[in-house]
Amino acid sequence: MRVAVIGAGHNGLIASYFLRKAGLDVVVFEASSKVGGMVETVEVMGVKVSRASYVLGLMPKKLLEEFSIPLIEQDPIQTIYLDKPIPFWRDKQKRVEELERAGESNFREFEELMCKFKSLMERKFTFVTEPPSEEEVREEARKEGVEELMRLTVKEFLNKYLSKELHEFFYYPGMEDSPAYLVAYFYAPWSYVRGGMGTVADRIREKAEQIGVQIRLNSRVEEVVGKEKVKGVKVNGKVLDFDVVVLAGSPLLLNELTDLKLDVKMGYSRWVKYNVVFKDKPKLPENLKPFASSILDTYAGEIVLPSFVDDSLGGHVMEMMGDIDEALDMIKGEVVYEEKLTARDAEREYFLPYGNLNHLPMAEPYLFDGRPVKGWGYTTPIKGLYLTGAGTYPGGQVTGIPGYNAAMKVLKDLSLKNP
């Protein structure tokens, strides 16, 4: 049984690994010259920089251990920097007490709701071959006493539990009217990865190749061959026979590769990521110095200084999403390299339609079993063509969950055992 995986991002690599582990003959086709997609480390002037994604927080322990991902668990995890720093400690009790001292009297209840809802999702709705419906999740949330995370919007939920000036640190732009469960989805113990985020892809690739996965770089798939049932893929003008194809990229790529047409109404994302290398160790405001290793949530944007905790980077790095000028007014040092990465850059360089980091909006109707299309799950109307990636359940960020789940769905359909 031959399987083609289209795309060597982290989900494609994870899917290929588990499919090969079950005994299938797996080939990964990657259009670019390296694996990882937006999970990459680049070297600039001898300094390692996480070019796109820059912290890891949503990958389950099961996958972290399977691939020996070397986390650096900085403490505090992050620091909200308004008039004064508010650190988010890894220890739950310490975190709650810190926020209560900052005047957030409802934070303890907020924290309990986050923990209970995340525990529910981890136990019942993480490793699944069929994505749950909103109704299924809502019913289980009702039993656990956390239904309001499914009933309220992000804005309504945060208004209930947190001071308004803190709201923007708990959601991404455009999420205000989405279900509040997304607050819990993104609420995580974010950590750095030693050597930068490219280490994640490198570790998965190494293990996949060790067991026989073939990875072909500079090999862009032009077409999935077969209208009702997969027959293979067309690469560089040549048709190659495969029994199963797994598309590990944005579902919108189906519009190019097949006769399937996804009508998703979205424009270009407005995010901007900056990568900066300093000549020497940068200087922070005195009251921020104790928290330099944490994720800094500021009015300038979200800022990370991974070289404060990772001596393997070879230099002094700042990565951020937000206003670079405001950030450099606060974090001072001589800049020897600066890069601006936009959604259009991501579309061109990472083959990511509209530069959407989540592939599809993290909003209705693209949540739960509606992601990417109601009733599809990790399959498509073309027999033998499967989907994985951030555009499938559960959604965006570097989780590896879609890669694992899609592989398990393929194995289930082939009546093969989970390795």
Protein backbone atom coordinates (compact mmCIF):
# COMPACT_ATOMS: atom_id res chain seq x y z
CA MET A 1 0.00 0.00 0.00
CA ARG A 2 1.62 3.25 -1.18
CA VAL A 3 0.85 6.60 0.45
CA ALA A 4 1.77 10.06 -0.81
CA VAL A 5 1.85 12.90 1.70
CA ILE A 6 1.72 16.37 0.15
CA GLY A 7 3.68 18.82 2.31
CA ALA A 8 6.48 18.32 4.84
CA GLY A 9 5.18 20.67 7.49
CA HIS A 10 5.00 19.27 11.00
CA ASN A 11 1.57 17.68 10.47
CA GLY A 12 2.61 16.07 7.20
CA LEU A 13 5.74 14.67 8.82
CA ILE A 14 3.81 13.33 11.81
CA ALA A 15 1.21 11.69 9.55
CA SER A 16 3.97 10.11 7.45
CA TYR A 17 5.73 8.77 10.54
CA PHE A 18 2.68 7.00 11.99
CA LEU A 19 1.59 5.66 8.60
CA ARG A 20 5.04 4.23 7.98
CA LYS A 21 5.15 2.87 11.53
CA ALA A 22 2.04 0.86 10.63
CA GLY A 23 3.88 -0.69 7.70
CA LEU A 24 2.79 1.46 4.76
CA ASP A 25 5.14 2.65 2.01
CA VAL A 26 5.18 6.45 2.50
CA VAL A 27 6.61 9.22 0.32
CA VAL A 28 6.43 12.89 1.35
CA PHE A 29 6.50 15.49 -1.43
CA GLU A 30 7.65 18.96 -0.37
CA ALA A 31 7.61 21.87 -2.80
CA SER A 32 10.38 23.81 -1.05
CA SER A 33 13.99 22.89 -0.37
CA LYS A 34 13.49 22.02 3.31
CA VAL A 35 11.04 20.43 5.72
CA GLY A 36 8.97 22.13 8.39
CA GLY A 37 7.00 24.78 6.58
CA MET A 38 6.49 27.64 9.01
CA VAL A 39 8.04 25.55 11.78
CA GLU A 40 11.59 26.44 10.84
CA THR A 41 14.84 27.82 12.16
CA VAL A 42 16.94 29.94 9.82
CA GLU A 43 20.52 31.01 10.40
CA VAL A 44 21.30 34.71 9.97
CA MET A 45 24.86 35.95 10.44
CA GLY A 46 25.55 32.79 12.42
CA VAL A 47 22.49 33.31 14.65
CA LYS A 48 19.52 30.93 14.78
CA VAL A 49 16.09 32.56 14.38
CA SER A 50 12.63 30.98 14.51
CA ARG A 51 11.48 32.66 11.34
CA ALA A 52 7.71 32.16 11.54
CA SER A 53 6.26 30.24 14.51
CA TYR A 54 8.27 30.95 17.65
CA VAL A 55 6.83 29.17 20.72
CA LEU A 56 5.26 25.76 21.34
CA GLY A 57 2.35 25.20 23.69
CA LEU A 58 -0.43 23.10 22.19
CA MET A 59 1.41 19.91 21.22
CA PRO A 60 0.22 17.05 23.49
CA LYS A 61 2.69 15.35 25.79
CA LYS A 62 2.24 12.11 23.84
CA LEU A 63 3.73 13.70 20.71
CA LEU A 64 6.38 15.72 22.55
CA GLU A 65 7.69 12.49 24.04
CA GLU A 66 7.37 10.45 20.84
CA PHE A 67 9.64 12.87 19.01
CA SER A 68 11.83 13.97 21.95
CA ILE A 69 11.11 17.68 21.48
CA PRO A 70 13.53 19.66 23.72
CA LEU A 71 11.38 22.28 25.44
CA ILE A 72 12.77 25.18 27.46
CA GLU A 73 10.07 25.82 30.04
CA GLN A 74 10.73 29.45 30.93
CA ASP A 75 9.15 30.74 34.13
CA PRO A 76 7.12 32.89 34.10
CA ILE A 77 5.49 31.68 30.90
CA GLN A 78 4.56 35.19 29.86
CA THR A 79 4.34 38.67 31.31
CA ILE A 80 1.63 41.22 30.64
CA TYR A 81 3.36 44.58 30.63
CA LEU A 82 1.02 47.52 31.14
CA ASP A 83 1.78 50.05 33.87
CA LYS A 84 3.67 47.32 35.69
CA PRO A 85 4.57 43.71 34.84
CA ILE A 86 2.06 40.95 35.65
CA PRO A 87 3.85 37.60 35.35
CA PHE A 88 2.03 34.36 34.53
CA TRP A 89 3.84 31.68 36.51
CA ARG A 90 3.84 28.00 35.56
CA ASP A 91 2.62 27.04 39.00
CA LYS A 92 -1.17 27.42 38.99
CA GLN A 93 -1.54 28.65 42.57
CA LYS A 94 1.29 31.13 42.19
CA ARG A 95 -0.26 32.38 38.94
CA VAL A 96 -3.68 32.87 40.52
CA GLU A 97 -2.25 34.71 43.54
CA GLU A 98 -0.24 37.02 41.24
CA LEU A 99 -3.33 37.98 39.23
CA GLU A 100 -5.38 38.49 42.38
CA ARG A 101 -2.69 40.83 43.72
CA ALA A 102 -2.99 42.72 40.44
CA GLY A 103 -6.68 43.29 41.21
CA GLU A 104 -8.16 40.46 39.11
CA SER A 105 -10.58 39.15 41.74
CA ASN A 106 -12.31 36.76 39.31
CA PHE A 107 -9.14 35.22 37.93
CA ARG A 108 -9.31 32.15 40.17
CA GLU A 109 -12.69 31.22 38.69
CA PHE A 110 -11.38 32.00 35.20
CA GLU A 111 -8.40 29.70 35.76
CA GLU A 112 -10.62 26.87 37.04
CA LEU A 113 -12.84 27.12 33.98
CA MET A 114 -9.81 27.04 31.67
CA CYS A 115 -8.37 23.98 33.41
CA LYS A 116 -11.63 22.04 33.50
CA PHE A 117 -12.47 22.74 29.88
CA LYS A 118 -8.96 21.90 28.64
CA SER A 119 -9.01 18.68 30.66
CA LEU A 120 -12.32 17.74 29.04
CA MET A 121 -10.98 18.39 25.54
CA GLU A 122 -7.80 16.45 26.23
CA ARG A 123 -9.66 13.42 27.62
CA LYS A 124 -12.46 13.14 25.10
CA PHE A 125 -11.84 15.24 22.02
CA THR A 126 -8.13 15.34 21.18
CA PHE A 127 -7.07 12.05 19.60
CA VAL A 128 -10.08 11.20 17.45
CA THR A 129 -10.59 9.88 13.94
CA GLU A 130 -13.92 11.68 13.61
CA PRO A 131 -14.01 15.33 14.74
CA PRO A 132 -16.76 16.04 17.29
CA SER A 133 -19.72 18.27 16.53
CA GLU A 134 -20.31 21.46 18.47
CA GLU A 135 -23.36 19.79 19.99
CA GLU A 136 -21.29 16.88 21.32
CA VAL A 137 -18.76 19.18 22.92
CA ARG A 138 -21.48 21.43 24.34
CA GLU A 139 -23.22 18.45 25.95
CA GLU A 140 -20.01 17.22 27.60
CA ALA A 141 -19.20 20.79 28.68
CA ARG A 142 -22.65 21.00 30.29
CA LYS A 143 -21.95 17.81 32.27
CA GLU A 144 -18.62 19.27 33.46
CA GLY A 145 -20.17 22.61 34.42
CA VAL A 146 -18.25 24.64 31.81
CA GLU A 147 -20.95 25.14 29.19
CA GLU A 148 -20.57 28.91 29.24
CA LEU A 149 -17.37 28.51 27.23
CA MET A 150 -19.56 27.15 24.43
CA ARG A 151 -22.48 29.50 25.00
CA LEU A 152 -20.80 32.89 25.40
CA THR A 153 -18.69 34.81 22.90
CA VAL A 154 -15.04 35.59 23.62
CA LYS A 155 -16.01 39.20 24.40
CA GLU A 156 -18.86 38.23 26.72
CA PHE A 157 -16.75 35.69 28.57
CA LEU A 158 -13.78 38.00 29.12
CA ASN A 159 -16.08 40.82 30.22
CA LYS A 160 -17.35 38.50 32.93
CA TYR A 161 -13.97 37.46 34.34
CA LEU A 162 -11.20 39.94 33.47
CA SER A 163 -10.55 43.68 33.47
CA LYS A 164 -11.00 45.16 30.03
CA GLU A 165 -7.35 46.23 29.68
CA LEU A 166 -6.30 42.57 29.86
CA HIS A 167 -8.70 41.24 27.22
CA GLU A 168 -6.47 41.62 24.18
CA PHE A 169 -3.85 39.36 25.75
CA PHE A 170 -6.25 36.40 25.74
CA TYR A 171 -7.38 36.30 22.13
CA TYR A 172 -6.25 37.03 18.60
CA PRO A 173 -7.68 39.92 16.54
CA GLY A 174 -11.03 39.09 14.99
CA MET A 175 -11.94 36.46 17.60
CA GLU A 176 -14.11 38.71 19.79
CA ASP A 177 -17.42 37.33 18.51
CA SER A 178 -16.26 33.71 18.25
CA PRO A 179 -17.18 31.06 20.85
CA ALA A 180 -15.37 31.56 24.16
CA TYR A 181 -13.95 28.04 23.99
CA LEU A 182 -11.22 29.54 21.78
CA VAL A 183 -9.87 31.38 24.83
CA ALA A 184 -9.27 27.96 26.39
CA TYR A 185 -7.90 26.55 23.14
CA PHE A 186 -5.09 29.12 23.07
CA TYR A 187 -4.56 29.19 26.85
CA ALA A 188 -1.43 27.07 27.21
CA PRO A 189 1.95 26.65 28.93
CA TRP A 190 3.89 28.15 26.01
CA SER A 191 7.56 27.21 25.87
CA TYR A 192 10.61 27.81 23.72
CA VAL A 193 12.22 24.97 21.79
CA ARG A 194 15.99 24.60 22.07
CA GLY A 195 17.59 25.58 18.80
CA GLY A 196 14.45 27.32 17.61
CA MET A 197 11.19 25.96 16.23
CA GLY A 198 12.95 24.20 13.36
CA THR A 199 14.07 21.64 15.91
CA VAL A 200 10.46 20.37 16.04
CA ALA A 201 10.44 19.55 12.33
CA ASP A 202 13.99 18.20 12.42
CA ARG A 203 13.23 15.75 15.24
CA ILE A 204 10.10 14.44 13.49
CA ARG A 205 11.91 14.17 10.15
CA GLU A 206 14.80 12.24 11.73
CA LYS A 207 12.48 9.68 13.30
CA ALA A 208 10.39 9.37 10.12
CA GLU A 209 13.42 8.78 7.92
CA GLN A 210 14.88 6.29 10.41
CA ILE A 211 11.91 4.00 9.86
CA GLY A 212 11.84 4.40 6.09
CA VAL A 213 9.76 7.45 5.17
CA GLN A 214 11.02 8.93 1.90
CA ILE A 215 11.07 12.73 1.74
CA ARG A 216 11.43 14.36 -1.67
CA LEU A 217 12.26 18.06 -1.54
CA ASN A 218 11.79 20.53 -4.39
CA SER A 219 8.91 18.33 -5.56
CA ARG A 220 5.72 20.29 -5.96
CA VAL A 221 2.59 18.22 -6.52
CA GLU A 222 0.67 19.69 -9.44
CA GLU A 223 -2.39 17.46 -9.34
CA VAL A 224 -4.07 14.70 -7.37
CA VAL A 225 -4.92 12.16 -10.08
CA GLY A 226 -8.35 10.54 -9.93
CA LYS A 227 -11.77 12.16 -9.86
CA GLU A 228 -13.77 9.70 -7.74
CA LYS A 229 -10.92 7.62 -6.36
CA VAL A 230 -7.25 8.46 -5.89
CA LYS A 231 -4.91 6.99 -8.48
CA GLY A 232 -1.79 8.97 -7.70
CA VAL A 233 -0.16 12.39 -7.94
CA LYS A 234 1.40 14.39 -10.72
CA VAL A 235 4.83 15.77 -9.81
CA ASN A 236 6.99 17.77 -12.21
CA GLY A 237 4.82 16.62 -15.10
CA LYS A 238 5.05 12.93 -14.22
CA VAL A 239 2.18 10.82 -12.84
CA LEU A 240 3.16 8.59 -9.93
CA ASP A 241 0.87 5.82 -8.71
CA PHE A 242 -0.36 5.89 -5.09
CA ASP A 243 -3.24 4.19 -3.30
CA VAL A 244 -3.72 6.93 -0.70
CA VAL A 245 -2.92 10.65 -0.76
CA VAL A 246 -2.80 12.88 2.33
CA LEU A 247 -2.87 16.62 1.71
CA ALA A 248 -0.96 18.19 4.59
CA GLY A 249 -1.51 21.83 3.69
CA SER A 250 -4.32 24.35 3.52
CA PRO A 251 -7.59 22.74 2.35
CA LEU A 252 -7.81 25.61 -0.12
CA LEU A 253 -5.07 23.86 -2.11
CA LEU A 254 -7.77 21.37 -3.14
CA ASN A 255 -8.95 24.07 -5.55
CA GLU A 256 -5.64 23.77 -7.40
CA LEU A 257 -5.02 20.05 -7.07
CA THR A 258 -8.49 18.58 -7.66
CA ASP A 259 -11.89 19.32 -9.14
CA LEU A 260 -13.18 19.97 -5.61
CA LYS A 261 -13.93 23.64 -4.96
CA LEU A 262 -13.95 25.12 -1.46
CA ASP A 263 -15.78 28.43 -1.32
CA VAL A 264 -14.19 30.08 1.69
CA LYS A 265 -14.70 33.82 2.05
CA MET A 266 -11.58 35.34 3.56
CA GLY A 267 -9.04 37.97 2.68
CA TYR A 268 -5.36 38.31 3.40
CA SER A 269 -4.41 38.11 7.05
CA ARG A 270 -2.96 41.31 8.51
CA TRP A 271 -0.36 39.79 10.81
CA VAL A 272 3.24 40.96 10.64
CA LYS A 273 6.18 39.10 12.19
CA TYR A 274 9.53 40.78 12.79
CA ASN A 275 12.81 39.00 13.36
CA VAL A 276 15.68 41.02 14.80
CA VAL A 277 19.30 40.18 15.58
CA PHE A 278 21.16 42.50 17.96
CA LYS A 279 24.90 43.07 17.99
CA ASP A 280 24.99 42.64 21.77
CA LYS A 281 22.61 41.64 24.52
CA PRO A 282 19.65 44.06 24.40
CA LYS A 283 18.66 46.22 27.36
CA LEU A 284 15.19 46.13 28.88
CA PRO A 285 13.40 48.53 31.24
CA GLU A 286 14.47 47.82 34.83
CA ASN A 287 11.08 46.45 35.88
CA LEU A 288 11.06 44.01 32.94
CA LYS A 289 14.55 42.60 33.42
CA PRO A 290 13.44 39.81 35.82
CA PHE A 291 10.97 38.64 33.18
CA ALA A 292 13.14 38.90 30.05
CA SER A 293 12.94 35.16 29.36
CA SER A 294 9.14 35.15 29.28
CA ILE A 295 6.78 35.99 26.43
CA LEU A 296 6.28 39.74 26.78
CA ASP A 297 2.73 40.87 26.02
CA THR A 298 2.98 44.63 25.61
CA TYR A 299 1.18 47.50 23.91
CA ALA A 300 3.79 47.13 21.14
CA GLY A 301 2.73 43.52 20.59
CA GLU A 302 3.95 40.09 21.61
CA ILE A 303 7.72 39.98 22.01
CA VAL A 304 10.08 37.08 22.70
CA LEU A 305 13.80 37.17 23.48
CA PRO A 306 14.69 33.45 23.25
CA SER A 307 18.43 34.01 23.48
CA PHE A 308 17.96 34.95 27.16
CA VAL A 309 17.29 31.25 27.86
CA ASP A 310 18.72 29.41 24.84
CA ASP A 311 22.49 29.60 24.54
CA SER A 312 22.43 27.40 21.43
CA LEU A 313 21.16 30.24 19.22
CA GLY A 314 24.60 31.79 18.81
CA GLY A 315 23.55 35.39 19.31
CA HIS A 316 20.93 37.82 20.57
CA VAL A 317 17.48 37.49 19.01
CA MET A 318 14.14 39.28 19.26
CA GLU A 319 11.05 37.98 17.52
CA MET A 320 7.69 39.71 17.66
CA MET A 321 4.28 40.33 16.17
CA GLY A 322 3.21 43.95 16.41
CA ASP A 323 4.79 47.40 16.08
CA ILE A 324 8.55 47.08 15.66
CA ASP A 325 9.27 50.77 16.32
CA GLU A 326 7.47 50.71 19.67
CA ALA A 327 9.23 47.47 20.56
CA LEU A 328 12.67 48.89 19.80
CA ASP A 329 11.88 51.96 21.89
CA MET A 330 11.43 49.58 24.82
CA ILE A 331 14.00 46.85 24.01
CA LYS A 332 17.16 48.77 23.19
CA GLY A 333 20.24 47.62 21.30
CA GLU A 334 22.15 47.92 18.06
CA VAL A 335 20.22 46.05 15.35
CA VAL A 336 22.39 44.22 12.83
CA TYR A 337 19.56 42.38 11.05
CA GLU A 338 15.84 42.96 10.72
CA GLU A 339 13.27 41.02 8.71
CA LYS A 340 9.60 41.71 8.17
CA LEU A 341 7.42 38.70 7.34
CA THR A 342 3.84 39.26 6.15
CA ALA A 343 0.88 37.15 5.08
CA ARG A 344 1.73 37.69 1.43
CA ASP A 345 5.28 36.53 2.09
CA ALA A 346 3.90 33.41 3.75
CA GLU A 347 1.59 32.74 0.82
CA ARG A 348 4.49 32.93 -1.62
CA GLU A 349 7.19 31.18 0.42
CA TYR A 350 5.16 28.60 2.34
CA PHE A 351 2.43 27.90 -0.26
CA LEU A 352 -0.15 29.18 2.22
CA PRO A 353 -3.29 30.68 0.60
CA TYR A 354 -4.00 34.18 1.91
CA GLY A 355 -1.16 33.77 4.40
CA ASN A 356 -3.65 32.51 7.00
CA LEU A 357 -1.64 30.97 9.85
CA ASN A 358 -4.64 28.79 10.78
CA HIS A 359 -5.27 27.88 7.11
CA LEU A 360 -8.96 28.67 7.67
CA PRO A 361 -10.58 31.16 10.06
CA MET A 362 -10.84 29.95 13.67
CA ALA A 363 -14.52 30.87 13.67
CA GLU A 364 -17.88 29.48 12.66
CA PRO A 365 -18.56 27.59 10.46
CA TYR A 366 -14.96 26.27 10.49
CA LEU A 367 -14.88 24.83 14.00
CA PHE A 368 -15.18 21.25 15.24
CA ASP A 369 -16.61 18.95 12.52
CA GLY A 370 -17.17 21.95 10.27
CA ARG A 371 -13.44 22.22 9.64
CA PRO A 372 -12.94 22.42 6.68
CA VAL A 373 -16.38 21.20 5.52
CA LYS A 374 -19.21 19.75 7.59
CA GLY A 375 -19.06 15.99 7.39
CA TRP A 376 -15.59 15.66 5.87
CA GLY A 377 -13.42 15.31 8.96
CA TYR A 378 -10.02 14.13 7.69
CA THR A 379 -11.51 12.74 4.46
CA THR A 380 -12.76 14.25 1.20
CA PRO A 381 -15.41 13.23 -1.36
CA ILE A 382 -12.57 11.64 -3.36
CA LYS A 383 -11.99 8.12 -2.01
CA GLY A 384 -8.44 7.72 -0.75
CA LEU A 385 -7.77 11.48 -0.48
CA TYR A 386 -7.32 12.63 3.10
CA LEU A 387 -6.65 15.98 4.76
CA THR A 388 -4.49 17.08 7.65
CA GLY A 389 -3.08 20.37 8.89
CA ALA A 390 -4.32 23.48 10.65
CA GLY A 391 -7.34 23.64 8.34
CA THR A 392 -8.68 20.44 9.88
CA TYR A 393 -9.81 19.71 13.44
CA PRO A 394 -8.88 20.96 16.01
CA GLY A 395 -7.35 23.96 14.20
CA GLY A 396 -4.37 26.26 14.18
CA GLN A 397 -0.99 26.49 15.90
CA VAL A 398 1.75 23.86 16.09
CA THR A 399 -0.11 20.94 17.66
CA GLY A 400 0.62 17.85 15.57
CA ILE A 401 -2.88 16.62 16.47
CA PRO A 402 -4.28 16.79 12.90
CA GLY A 403 -1.26 14.86 11.62
CA TYR A 404 -1.74 12.07 14.13
CA ASN A 405 -5.52 11.94 13.75
CA ALA A 406 -5.44 11.87 9.95
CA ALA A 407 -2.96 8.98 10.05
CA MET A 408 -5.22 7.08 12.46
CA LYS A 409 -8.21 7.70 10.17
CA VAL A 410 -6.31 6.27 7.18
CA LEU A 411 -5.32 3.20 9.19
CA LYS A 412 -8.88 2.73 10.45
CA ASP A 413 -10.27 2.88 6.92
CA LEU A 414 -7.66 0.35 5.78
CA SER A 415 -8.44 -1.89 8.77
CA LEU A 416 -4.86 -1.64 9.96
CA LYS A 417 -3.80 -1.51 13.59
CA ASN A 418 -2.72 1.66 15.37
CA PRO A 419 1.08 1.36 15.72
